[in-house]
Amino acid sequence: MSAFAFLGAALAEIAGCFAFWAWLRLGKSPVWIAPGILSLCLFAYLLTLPTSDQAGRSYAAYGGVYIASAVLWLWLVEDAKPDRWDLLGAAVCLIGAAIIYFGPRTATIG
């Protein structure tokens, strides 16, 4: 469930931000703002669904999924093929996200 929530959140966040990018940077109509806002609201909702006891840990793990999804968006939507550094960076981020999200937890000192 968490993986689907993270992927959905990434798509919603990227699409919402892209709507603003299209309006401000690509000269698209201000009408793009409304679906952008709705998409960003969906992103926020989806990010509440993963099963994590702490929001910060969930957000940190999501960051890796977001980065990999943004590279995929670059390729599929913007038609710009990722280079090896894009792919390596995304892979490192996904590994980091997995460590954060799935790492064993022990009692903290303090």
PDB file of N, CA and C in Angstrom:
ATOM      1  N   MET A   1       0.825  -1.203   0.000  1.00  0.00           N
ATOM      2  CA  MET A   1       0.000   0.000   0.000  1.00  0.00           C
ATOM      3  C   MET A   1       0.866   1.263   0.000  1.00  0.00           C
ATOM      4  N   SER A   2       1.927   1.261   0.806  1.00  0.00           N
ATOM      5  CA  SER A   2       2.782   2.448   0.899  1.00  0.00           C
ATOM      6  C   SER A   2       3.426   2.789  -0.434  1.00  0.00           C
ATOM      7  N   ALA A   3       3.861   1.766  -1.157  1.00  0.00           N
ATOM      8  CA  ALA A   3       4.506   2.022  -2.453  1.00  0.00           C
ATOM      9  C   ALA A   3       3.533   2.702  -3.410  1.00  0.00           C
ATOM     10  N   PHE A   4       2.277   2.228  -3.436  1.00  0.00           N
ATOM     11  CA  PHE A   4       1.279   2.847  -4.315  1.00  0.00           C
ATOM     12  C   PHE A   4       0.960   4.269  -3.872  1.00  0.00           C
ATOM     13  N   ALA A   5       0.898   4.486  -2.560  1.00  0.00           N
ATOM     14  CA  ALA A   5       0.637   5.839  -2.051  1.00  0.00           C
ATOM     15  C   ALA A   5       1.786   6.772  -2.425  1.00  0.00           C
ATOM     16  N   PHE A   6       3.033   6.304  -2.270  1.00  0.00           N
ATOM     17  CA  PHE A   6       4.187   7.127  -2.626  1.00  0.00           C
ATOM     18  C   PHE A   6       4.205   7.427  -4.122  1.00  0.00           C
ATOM     19  N   LEU A   7       3.943   6.425  -4.944  1.00  0.00           N
ATOM     20  CA  LEU A   7       3.937   6.645  -6.396  1.00  0.00           C
ATOM     21  C   LEU A   7       2.812   7.590  -6.812  1.00  0.00           C
ATOM     22  N   GLY A   8       1.637   7.395  -6.240  1.00  0.00           N
ATOM     23  CA  GLY A   8       0.520   8.294  -6.537  1.00  0.00           C
ATOM     24  C   GLY A   8       0.795   9.710  -6.079  1.00  0.00           C
ATOM     25  N   ALA A   9       1.388   9.835  -4.880  1.00  0.00           N
ATOM     26  CA  ALA A   9       1.731  11.159  -4.366  1.00  0.00           C
ATOM     27  C   ALA A   9       2.753  11.835  -5.269  1.00  0.00           C
ATOM     28  N   ALA A  10       3.729  11.080  -5.728  1.00  0.00           N
ATOM     29  CA  ALA A  10       4.752  11.653  -6.609  1.00  0.00           C
ATOM     30  C   ALA A  10       4.129  12.144  -7.913  1.00  0.00           C
ATOM     31  N   LEU A  11       3.275  11.331  -8.502  1.00  0.00           N
ATOM     32  CA  LEU A  11       2.620  11.737  -9.743  1.00  0.00           C
ATOM     33  C   LEU A  11       1.766  12.987  -9.519  1.00  0.00           C
ATOM     34  N   ALA A  12       1.015  13.007  -8.425  1.00  0.00           N
ATOM     35  CA  ALA A  12       0.159  14.161  -8.136  1.00  0.00           C
ATOM     36  C   ALA A  12       0.990  15.419  -7.866  1.00  0.00           C
ATOM     37  N   GLU A  13       2.089  15.269  -7.122  1.00  0.00           N
ATOM     38  CA  GLU A  13       2.920  16.436  -6.829  1.00  0.00           C
ATOM     39  C   GLU A  13       3.599  16.968  -8.089  1.00  0.00           C
ATOM     40  N   ILE A  14       4.163  16.077  -8.868  1.00  0.00           N
ATOM     41  CA  ILE A  14       4.852  16.509 -10.084  1.00  0.00           C
ATOM     42  C   ILE A  14       3.861  17.142 -11.060  1.00  0.00           C
ATOM     43  N   ALA A  15       2.700  16.520 -11.222  1.00  0.00           N
ATOM     44  CA  ALA A  15       1.690  17.073 -12.134  1.00  0.00           C
ATOM     45  C   ALA A  15       1.213  18.439 -11.645  1.00  0.00           C
ATOM     46  N   GLY A  16       0.989  18.570 -10.340  1.00  0.00           N
ATOM     47  CA  GLY A  16       0.547  19.854  -9.793  1.00  0.00           C
ATOM     48  C   GLY A  16       1.590  20.941  -9.976  1.00  0.00           C
ATOM     49  N   CYS A  17       2.827  20.607  -9.686  1.00  0.00           N
ATOM     50  CA  CYS A  17       3.898  21.591  -9.857  1.00  0.00           C
ATOM     51  C   CYS A  17       4.119  21.905 -11.336  1.00  0.00           C
ATOM     52  N   PHE A  18       3.983  20.890 -12.190  1.00  0.00           N
ATOM     53  CA  PHE A  18       4.153  21.120 -13.624  1.00  0.00           C
ATOM     54  C   PHE A  18       3.071  22.054 -14.160  1.00  0.00           C
ATOM     55  N   ALA A  19       1.859  21.965 -13.594  1.00  0.00           N
ATOM     56  CA  ALA A  19       0.784  22.866 -14.028  1.00  0.00           C
ATOM     57  C   ALA A  19       1.190  24.320 -13.788  1.00  0.00           C
ATOM     58  N   PHE A  20       1.798  24.594 -12.640  1.00  0.00           N
ATOM     59  CA  PHE A  20       2.271  25.956 -12.362  1.00  0.00           C
ATOM     60  C   PHE A  20       3.450  26.312 -13.268  1.00  0.00           C
ATOM     61  N   TRP A  21       4.340  25.352 -13.500  1.00  0.00           N
ATOM     62  CA  TRP A  21       5.477  25.560 -14.406  1.00  0.00           C
ATOM     63  C   TRP A  21       4.965  25.922 -15.799  1.00  0.00           C
ATOM     64  N   ALA A  22       3.957  25.169 -16.267  1.00  0.00           N
ATOM     65  CA  ALA A  22       3.409  25.423 -17.603  1.00  0.00           C
ATOM     66  C   ALA A  22       2.810  26.825 -17.688  1.00  0.00           C
ATOM     67  N   TRP A  23       2.126  27.239 -16.632  1.00  0.00           N
ATOM     68  CA  TRP A  23       1.513  28.571 -16.629  1.00  0.00           C
ATOM     69  C   TRP A  23       2.585  29.664 -16.593  1.00  0.00           C
ATOM     70  N   LEU A  24       3.538  29.535 -15.671  1.00  0.00           N
ATOM     71  CA  LEU A  24       4.516  30.605 -15.470  1.00  0.00           C
ATOM     72  C   LEU A  24       5.698  30.572 -16.428  1.00  0.00           C
ATOM     73  N   ARG A  25       6.113  29.384 -16.854  1.00  0.00           N
ATOM     74  CA  ARG A  25       7.323  29.288 -17.663  1.00  0.00           C
ATOM     75  C   ARG A  25       7.061  28.973 -19.129  1.00  0.00           C
ATOM     76  N   LEU A  26       5.916  28.337 -19.397  1.00  0.00           N
ATOM     77  CA  LEU A  26       5.623  27.950 -20.777  1.00  0.00           C
ATOM     78  C   LEU A  26       4.525  28.798 -21.407  1.00  0.00           C
ATOM     79  N   GLY A  27       4.024  29.780 -20.651  1.00  0.00           N
ATOM     80  CA  GLY A  27       3.028  30.689 -21.190  1.00  0.00           C
ATOM     81  C   GLY A  27       1.642  30.091 -21.372  1.00  0.00           C
ATOM     82  N   LYS A  28       1.338  29.021 -20.635  1.00  0.00           N
ATOM     83  CA  LYS A  28       0.010  28.421 -20.730  1.00  0.00           C
ATOM     84  C   LYS A  28      -1.010  29.295 -20.002  1.00  0.00           C
ATOM     85  N   SER A  29      -2.271  29.020 -20.232  1.00  0.00           N
ATOM     86  CA  SER A  29      -3.370  29.771 -19.638  1.00  0.00           C
ATOM     87  C   SER A  29      -3.375  29.640 -18.114  1.00  0.00           C
ATOM     88  N   PRO A  30      -3.827  30.693 -17.402  1.00  0.00           N
ATOM     89  CA  PRO A  30      -3.979  30.592 -15.943  1.00  0.00           C
ATOM     90  C   PRO A  30      -4.979  29.514 -15.523  1.00  0.00           C
ATOM     91  N   VAL A  31      -5.748  29.009 -16.461  1.00  0.00           N
ATOM     92  CA  VAL A  31      -6.682  27.917 -16.171  1.00  0.00           C
ATOM     93  C   VAL A  31      -5.926  26.683 -15.663  1.00  0.00           C
ATOM     94  N   TRP A  32      -4.662  26.557 -16.004  1.00  0.00           N
ATOM     95  CA  TRP A  32      -3.833  25.441 -15.540  1.00  0.00           C
ATOM     96  C   TRP A  32      -3.692  25.431 -14.015  1.00  0.00           C
ATOM     97  N   ILE A  33      -3.916  26.572 -13.362  1.00  0.00           N
ATOM     98  CA  ILE A  33      -3.737  26.658 -11.909  1.00  0.00           C
ATOM     99  C   ILE A  33      -4.729  25.758 -11.171  1.00  0.00           C
ATOM    100  N   ALA A  34      -5.995  25.737 -11.584  1.00  0.00           N
ATOM    101  CA  ALA A  34      -7.025  24.968 -10.867  1.00  0.00           C
ATOM    102  C   ALA A  34      -6.690  23.476 -10.792  1.00  0.00           C
ATOM    103  N   PRO A  35      -6.395  22.802 -11.912  1.00  0.00           N
ATOM    104  CA  PRO A  35      -6.033  21.387 -11.769  1.00  0.00           C
ATOM    105  C   PRO A  35      -4.716  21.202 -11.015  1.00  0.00           C
ATOM    106  N   GLY A  36      -3.836  22.193 -11.108  1.00  0.00           N
ATOM    107  CA  GLY A  36      -2.593  22.119 -10.352  1.00  0.00           C
ATOM    108  C   GLY A  36      -2.848  22.107  -8.852  1.00  0.00           C
ATOM    109  N   ILE A  37      -3.737  22.969  -8.399  1.00  0.00           N
ATOM    110  CA  ILE A  37      -4.082  23.017  -6.976  1.00  0.00           C
ATOM    111  C   ILE A  37      -4.749  21.714  -6.538  1.00  0.00           C
ATOM    112  N   LEU A  38      -5.677  21.218  -7.329  1.00  0.00           N
ATOM    113  CA  LEU A  38      -6.342  19.953  -6.997  1.00  0.00           C
ATOM    114  C   LEU A  38      -5.337  18.806  -6.929  1.00  0.00           C
ATOM    115  N   SER A  39      -4.413  18.788  -7.854  1.00  0.00           N
ATOM    116  CA  SER A  39      -3.400  17.746  -7.872  1.00  0.00           C
ATOM    117  C   SER A  39      -2.508  17.828  -6.630  1.00  0.00           C
ATOM    118  N   LEU A  40      -2.153  19.031  -6.210  1.00  0.00           N
ATOM    119  CA  LEU A  40      -1.325  19.188  -5.022  1.00  0.00           C
ATOM    120  C   LEU A  40      -2.093  18.797  -3.756  1.00  0.00           C
ATOM    121  N   CYS A  41      -3.397  19.033  -3.724  1.00  0.00           N
ATOM    122  CA  CYS A  41      -4.220  18.576  -2.592  1.00  0.00           C
ATOM    123  C   CYS A  41      -4.261  17.047  -2.553  1.00  0.00           C
ATOM    124  N   LEU A  42      -4.399  16.413  -3.707  1.00  0.00           N
ATOM    125  CA  LEU A  42      -4.368  14.953  -3.773  1.00  0.00           C
ATOM    126  C   LEU A  42      -3.022  14.428  -3.292  1.00  0.00           C
ATOM    127  N   PHE A  43      -1.949  15.076  -3.687  1.00  0.00           N
ATOM    128  CA  PHE A  43      -0.607  14.706  -3.230  1.00  0.00           C
ATOM    129  C   PHE A  43      -0.540  14.703  -1.706  1.00  0.00           C
ATOM    130  N   ALA A  44      -1.018  15.770  -1.082  1.00  0.00           N
ATOM    131  CA  ALA A  44      -0.959  15.876   0.382  1.00  0.00           C
ATOM    132  C   ALA A  44      -1.773  14.761   1.037  1.00  0.00           C
ATOM    133  N   TYR A  45      -2.940  14.468   0.496  1.00  0.00           N
ATOM    134  CA  TYR A  45      -3.766  13.390   1.044  1.00  0.00           C
ATOM    135  C   TYR A  45      -3.055  12.039   0.909  1.00  0.00           C
ATOM    136  N   LEU A  46      -2.541  11.743  -0.273  1.00  0.00           N
ATOM    137  CA  LEU A  46      -1.902  10.450  -0.505  1.00  0.00           C
ATOM    138  C   LEU A  46      -0.695  10.244   0.403  1.00  0.00           C
ATOM    139  N   LEU A  47      -0.019  11.310   0.752  1.00  0.00           N
ATOM    140  CA  LEU A  47       1.157  11.178   1.607  1.00  0.00           C
ATOM    141  C   LEU A  47       0.784  10.833   3.047  1.00  0.00           C
ATOM    142  N   THR A  48      -0.502  10.928   3.405  1.00  0.00           N
ATOM    143  CA  THR A  48      -0.933  10.521   4.750  1.00  0.00           C
ATOM    144  C   THR A  48      -1.213   9.021   4.829  1.00  0.00           C
ATOM    145  N   LEU A  49      -1.241   8.313   3.713  1.00  0.00           N
ATOM    146  CA  LEU A  49      -1.651   6.912   3.696  1.00  0.00           C
ATOM    147  C   LEU A  49      -0.573   5.893   4.075  1.00  0.00           C
ATOM    148  N   PRO A  50       0.707   6.124   3.805  1.00  0.00           N
ATOM    149  CA  PRO A  50       1.704   5.102   4.145  1.00  0.00           C
ATOM    150  C   PRO A  50       1.711   4.787   5.642  1.00  0.00           C
ATOM    151  N   THR A  51       2.020   3.545   5.933  1.00  0.00           N
ATOM    152  CA  THR A  51       2.026   3.076   7.317  1.00  0.00           C
ATOM    153  C   THR A  51       3.369   3.353   7.974  1.00  0.00           C
ATOM    154  N   SER A  52       3.506   4.514   8.518  1.00  0.00           N
ATOM    155  CA  SER A  52       4.702   4.902   9.256  1.00  0.00           C
ATOM    156  C   SER A  52       4.239   5.599  10.526  1.00  0.00           C
ATOM    157  N   ASP A  53       4.958   5.365  11.614  1.00  0.00           N
ATOM    158  CA  ASP A  53       4.574   5.987  12.881  1.00  0.00           C
ATOM    159  C   ASP A  53       4.914   7.473  12.931  1.00  0.00           C
ATOM    160  N   GLN A  54       5.879   7.908  12.141  1.00  0.00           N
ATOM    161  CA  GLN A  54       6.299   9.301  12.145  1.00  0.00           C
ATOM    162  C   GLN A  54       6.173   9.890  10.742  1.00  0.00           C
ATOM    163  N   ALA A  55       5.584  11.057  10.679  1.00  0.00           N
ATOM    164  CA  ALA A  55       5.399  11.731   9.389  1.00  0.00           C
ATOM    165  C   ALA A  55       6.747  12.037   8.737  1.00  0.00           C
ATOM    166  N   GLY A  56       7.701  12.518   9.515  1.00  0.00           N
ATOM    167  CA  GLY A  56       9.001  12.887   8.952  1.00  0.00           C
ATOM    168  C   GLY A  56       9.705  11.732   8.284  1.00  0.00           C
ATOM    169  N   ARG A  57       9.618  10.538   8.892  1.00  0.00           N
ATOM    170  CA  ARG A  57      10.256   9.362   8.289  1.00  0.00           C
ATOM    171  C   ARG A  57       9.552   9.006   6.979  1.00  0.00           C
ATOM    172  N   SER A  58       8.242   9.090   6.978  1.00  0.00           N
ATOM    173  CA  SER A  58       7.487   8.809   5.754  1.00  0.00           C
ATOM    174  C   SER A  58       7.838   9.816   4.662  1.00  0.00           C
ATOM    175  N   TYR A  59       7.933  11.097   5.027  1.00  0.00           N
ATOM    176  CA  TYR A  59       8.272  12.136   4.043  1.00  0.00           C
ATOM    177  C   TYR A  59       9.685  11.943   3.500  1.00  0.00           C
ATOM    178  N   ALA A  60      10.605  11.553   4.371  1.00  0.00           N
ATOM    179  CA  ALA A  60      11.988  11.339   3.940  1.00  0.00           C
ATOM    180  C   ALA A  60      12.059  10.180   2.945  1.00  0.00           C
ATOM    181  N   ALA A  61      11.361   9.084   3.257  1.00  0.00           N
ATOM    182  CA  ALA A  61      11.353   7.942   2.345  1.00  0.00           C
ATOM    183  C   ALA A  61      10.678   8.319   1.024  1.00  0.00           C
ATOM    184  N   TYR A  62       9.605   9.101   1.117  1.00  0.00           N
ATOM    185  CA  TYR A  62       8.907   9.554  -0.090  1.00  0.00           C
ATOM    186  C   TYR A  62       9.833  10.357  -0.993  1.00  0.00           C
ATOM    187  N   GLY A  63      10.755  11.107  -0.413  1.00  0.00           N
ATOM    188  CA  GLY A  63      11.667  11.939  -1.197  1.00  0.00           C
ATOM    189  C   GLY A  63      12.412  11.142  -2.259  1.00  0.00           C
ATOM    190  N   GLY A  64      12.847   9.945  -1.916  1.00  0.00           N
ATOM    191  CA  GLY A  64      13.538   9.103  -2.892  1.00  0.00           C
ATOM    192  C   GLY A  64      12.633   8.684  -4.032  1.00  0.00           C
ATOM    193  N   VAL A  65      11.393   8.347  -3.694  1.00  0.00           N
ATOM    194  CA  VAL A  65      10.419   7.959  -4.716  1.00  0.00           C
ATOM    195  C   VAL A  65      10.109   9.162  -5.605  1.00  0.00           C
ATOM    196  N   TYR A  66       9.993  10.339  -4.993  1.00  0.00           N
ATOM    197  CA  TYR A  66       9.726  11.562  -5.753  1.00  0.00           C
ATOM    198  C   TYR A  66      10.836  11.816  -6.777  1.00  0.00           C
ATOM    199  N   ILE A  67      12.073  11.693  -6.349  1.00  0.00           N
ATOM    200  CA  ILE A  67      13.198  11.962  -7.251  1.00  0.00           C
ATOM    201  C   ILE A  67      13.203  10.987  -8.423  1.00  0.00           C
ATOM    202  N   ALA A  68      13.011   9.707  -8.151  1.00  0.00           N
ATOM    203  CA  ALA A  68      12.962   8.720  -9.232  1.00  0.00           C
ATOM    204  C   ALA A  68      11.783   9.001 -10.166  1.00  0.00           C
ATOM    205  N   SER A  69      10.651   9.387  -9.597  1.00  0.00           N
ATOM    206  CA  SER A  69       9.471   9.697 -10.412  1.00  0.00           C
ATOM    207  C   SER A  69       9.698  10.943 -11.263  1.00  0.00           C
ATOM    208  N   ALA A  70      10.410  11.915 -10.721  1.00  0.00           N
ATOM    209  CA  ALA A  70      10.696  13.129 -11.486  1.00  0.00           C
ATOM    210  C   ALA A  70      11.592  12.818 -12.685  1.00  0.00           C
ATOM    211  N   VAL A  71      12.533  11.906 -12.513  1.00  0.00           N
ATOM    212  CA  VAL A  71      13.380  11.502 -13.643  1.00  0.00           C
ATOM    213  C   VAL A  71      12.537  10.774 -14.688  1.00  0.00           C
ATOM    214  N   LEU A  72      11.609   9.944 -14.232  1.00  0.00           N
ATOM    215  CA  LEU A  72      10.707   9.266 -15.158  1.00  0.00           C
ATOM    216  C   LEU A  72       9.814  10.276 -15.886  1.00  0.00           C
ATOM    217  N   TRP A  73       9.321  11.275 -15.175  1.00  0.00           N
ATOM    218  CA  TRP A  73       8.509  12.356 -15.778  1.00  0.00           C
ATOM    219  C   TRP A  73       9.330  13.072 -16.853  1.00  0.00           C
ATOM    220  N   LEU A  74      10.582  13.383 -16.527  1.00  0.00           N
ATOM    221  CA  LEU A  74      11.483  14.030 -17.481  1.00  0.00           C
ATOM    222  C   LEU A  74      11.503  13.265 -18.796  1.00  0.00           C
ATOM    223  N   TRP A  75      11.573  11.963 -18.687  1.00  0.00           N
ATOM    224  CA  TRP A  75      11.687  11.108 -19.858  1.00  0.00           C
ATOM    225  C   TRP A  75      10.350  10.953 -20.589  1.00  0.00           C
ATOM    226  N   LEU A  76       9.280  10.623 -19.854  1.00  0.00           N
ATOM    227  CA  LEU A  76       8.008  10.281 -20.496  1.00  0.00           C
ATOM    228  C   LEU A  76       7.169  11.493 -20.888  1.00  0.00           C
ATOM    229  N   VAL A  77       7.201  12.540 -20.080  1.00  0.00           N
ATOM    230  CA  VAL A  77       6.343  13.700 -20.341  1.00  0.00           C
ATOM    231  C   VAL A  77       7.097  14.802 -21.087  1.00  0.00           C
ATOM    232  N   GLU A  78       8.321  15.055 -20.653  1.00  0.00           N
ATOM    233  CA  GLU A  78       9.084  16.143 -21.262  1.00  0.00           C
ATOM    234  C   GLU A  78       9.969  15.666 -22.412  1.00  0.00           C
ATOM    235  N   ASP A  79       9.958  14.375 -22.678  1.00  0.00           N
ATOM    236  CA  ASP A  79      10.681  13.784 -23.798  1.00  0.00           C
ATOM    237  C   ASP A  79      12.174  14.111 -23.783  1.00  0.00           C
ATOM    238  N   ALA A  80      12.755  14.126 -22.583  1.00  0.00           N
ATOM    239  CA  ALA A  80      14.190  14.330 -22.436  1.00  0.00           C
ATOM    240  C   ALA A  80      14.766  13.069 -21.794  1.00  0.00           C
ATOM    241  N   LYS A  81      15.564  12.349 -22.541  1.00  0.00           N
ATOM    242  CA  LYS A  81      16.094  11.077 -22.047  1.00  0.00           C
ATOM    243  C   LYS A  81      17.064  11.321 -20.881  1.00  0.00           C
ATOM    244  N   PRO A  82      16.822  10.650 -19.746  1.00  0.00           N
ATOM    245  CA  PRO A  82      17.740  10.795 -18.612  1.00  0.00           C
ATOM    246  C   PRO A  82      19.127  10.266 -18.970  1.00  0.00           C
ATOM    247  N   ASP A  83      20.149  10.898 -18.450  1.00  0.00           N
ATOM    248  CA  ASP A  83      21.498  10.386 -18.683  1.00  0.00           C
ATOM    249  C   ASP A  83      21.889   9.463 -17.519  1.00  0.00           C
ATOM    250  N   ARG A  84      23.080   8.927 -17.580  1.00  0.00           N
ATOM    251  CA  ARG A  84      23.491   7.957 -16.557  1.00  0.00           C
ATOM    252  C   ARG A  84      23.552   8.583 -15.178  1.00  0.00           C
ATOM    253  N   TRP A  85      23.824   9.880 -15.107  1.00  0.00           N
ATOM    254  CA  TRP A  85      23.898  10.545 -13.799  1.00  0.00           C
ATOM    255  C   TRP A  85      22.506  10.735 -13.202  1.00  0.00           C
ATOM    256  N   ASP A  86      21.518  11.001 -14.052  1.00  0.00           N
ATOM    257  CA  ASP A  86      20.132  11.049 -13.583  1.00  0.00           C
ATOM    258  C   ASP A  86      19.728   9.692 -13.009  1.00  0.00           C
ATOM    259  N   LEU A  87      20.036   8.644 -13.746  1.00  0.00           N
ATOM    260  CA  LEU A  87      19.647   7.296 -13.327  1.00  0.00           C
ATOM    261  C   LEU A  87      20.391   6.851 -12.074  1.00  0.00           C
ATOM    262  N   LEU A  88      21.691   7.134 -12.015  1.00  0.00           N
ATOM    263  CA  LEU A  88      22.468   6.780 -10.828  1.00  0.00           C
ATOM    264  C   LEU A  88      21.964   7.541  -9.605  1.00  0.00           C
ATOM    265  N   GLY A  89      21.718   8.821  -9.769  1.00  0.00           N
ATOM    266  CA  GLY A  89      21.213   9.619  -8.655  1.00  0.00           C
ATOM    267  C   GLY A  89      19.864   9.128  -8.162  1.00  0.00           C
ATOM    268  N   ALA A  90      18.976   8.784  -9.085  1.00  0.00           N
ATOM    269  CA  ALA A  90      17.662   8.264  -8.702  1.00  0.00           C
ATOM    270  C   ALA A  90      17.805   6.934  -7.973  1.00  0.00           C
ATOM    271  N   ALA A  91      18.708   6.075  -8.441  1.00  0.00           N
ATOM    272  CA  ALA A  91      18.922   4.781  -7.789  1.00  0.00           C
ATOM    273  C   ALA A  91      19.447   4.963  -6.369  1.00  0.00           C
ATOM    274  N   VAL A  92      20.393   5.862  -6.195  1.00  0.00           N
ATOM    275  CA  VAL A  92      20.936   6.134  -4.855  1.00  0.00           C
ATOM    276  C   VAL A  92      19.819   6.639  -3.937  1.00  0.00           C
ATOM    277  N   CYS A  93      18.971   7.508  -4.456  1.00  0.00           N
ATOM    278  CA  CYS A  93      17.866   8.038  -3.649  1.00  0.00           C
ATOM    279  C   CYS A  93      16.881   6.943  -3.260  1.00  0.00           C
ATOM    280  N   LEU A  94      16.580   6.034  -4.178  1.00  0.00           N
ATOM    281  CA  LEU A  94      15.673   4.935  -3.853  1.00  0.00           C
ATOM    282  C   LEU A  94      16.270   4.000  -2.804  1.00  0.00           C
ATOM    283  N   ILE A  95      17.563   3.768  -2.886  1.00  0.00           N
ATOM    284  CA  ILE A  95      18.228   2.948  -1.870  1.00  0.00           C
ATOM    285  C   ILE A  95      18.142   3.649  -0.513  1.00  0.00           C
ATOM    286  N   GLY A  96      18.400   4.946  -0.502  1.00  0.00           N
ATOM    287  CA  GLY A  96      18.291   5.709   0.741  1.00  0.00           C
ATOM    288  C   GLY A  96      16.875   5.698   1.295  1.00  0.00           C
ATOM    289  N   ALA A  97      15.898   5.829   0.420  1.00  0.00           N
ATOM    290  CA  ALA A  97      14.497   5.794   0.857  1.00  0.00           C
ATOM    291  C   ALA A  97      14.159   4.446   1.480  1.00  0.00           C
ATOM    292  N   ALA A  98      14.632   3.367   0.874  1.00  0.00           N
ATOM    293  CA  ALA A  98      14.365   2.032   1.410  1.00  0.00           C
ATOM    294  C   ALA A  98      15.017   1.849   2.778  1.00  0.00           C
ATOM    295  N   ILE A  99      16.223   2.346   2.939  1.00  0.00           N
ATOM    296  CA  ILE A  99      16.906   2.254   4.233  1.00  0.00           C
ATOM    297  C   ILE A  99      16.118   3.010   5.296  1.00  0.00           C
ATOM    298  N   ILE A 100      15.676   4.207   4.979  1.00  0.00           N
ATOM    299  CA  ILE A 100      14.915   5.008   5.935  1.00  0.00           C
ATOM    300  C   ILE A 100      13.591   4.329   6.292  1.00  0.00           C
ATOM    301  N   TYR A 101      12.873   3.866   5.293  1.00  0.00           N
ATOM    302  CA  TYR A 101      11.521   3.350   5.523  1.00  0.00           C
ATOM    303  C   TYR A 101      11.512   1.950   6.134  1.00  0.00           C
ATOM    304  N   PHE A 102      12.421   1.080   5.690  1.00  0.00           N
ATOM    305  CA  PHE A 102      12.384  -0.317   6.117  1.00  0.00           C
ATOM    306  C   PHE A 102      13.434  -0.672   7.167  1.00  0.00           C
ATOM    307  N   GLY A 103      14.308   0.268   7.517  1.00  0.00           N
ATOM    308  CA  GLY A 103      15.350  -0.022   8.485  1.00  0.00           C
ATOM    309  C   GLY A 103      14.781  -0.440   9.830  1.00  0.00           C
ATOM    310  N   PRO A 104      15.454  -1.380  10.494  1.00  0.00           N
ATOM    311  CA  PRO A 104      14.966  -1.804  11.817  1.00  0.00           C
ATOM    312  C   PRO A 104      15.072  -0.658  12.823  1.00  0.00           C
ATOM    313  N   ARG A 105      14.112  -0.556  13.667  1.00  0.00           N
ATOM    314  CA  ARG A 105      14.071   0.520  14.661  1.00  0.00           C
ATOM    315  C   ARG A 105      14.385  -0.054  16.034  1.00  0.00           C
ATOM    316  N   THR A 106      15.204   0.675  16.768  1.00  0.00           N
ATOM    317  CA  THR A 106      15.506   0.311  18.155  1.00  0.00           C
ATOM    318  C   THR A 106      15.184   1.509  19.030  1.00  0.00           C
ATOM    319  N   ALA A 107      15.136   1.294  20.287  1.00  0.00           N
ATOM    320  CA  ALA A 107      14.868   2.396  21.215  1.00  0.00           C
ATOM    321  C   ALA A 107      15.953   3.443  21.086  1.00  0.00           C
ATOM    322  N   THR A 108      15.566   4.686  21.146  1.00  0.00           N
ATOM    323  CA  THR A 108      16.548   5.763  21.028  1.00  0.00           C
ATOM    324  C   THR A 108      17.092   6.122  22.411  1.00  0.00           C
ATOM    325  N   ILE A 109      18.310   6.602  22.410  1.00  0.00           N
ATOM    326  CA  ILE A 109      18.947   7.039  23.647  1.00  0.00           C
ATOM    327  C   ILE A 109      18.594   8.504  23.863  1.00  0.00           C
ATOM    328  N   GLY A 110      18.256   8.843  25.046  1.00  0.00           N
ATOM    329  CA  GLY A 110      17.996  10.251  25.265  1.00  0.00           C
ATOM    330  C   GLY A 110      16.937  10.449  26.218  1.00  0.00           C
TER     331      GLY A 110
END
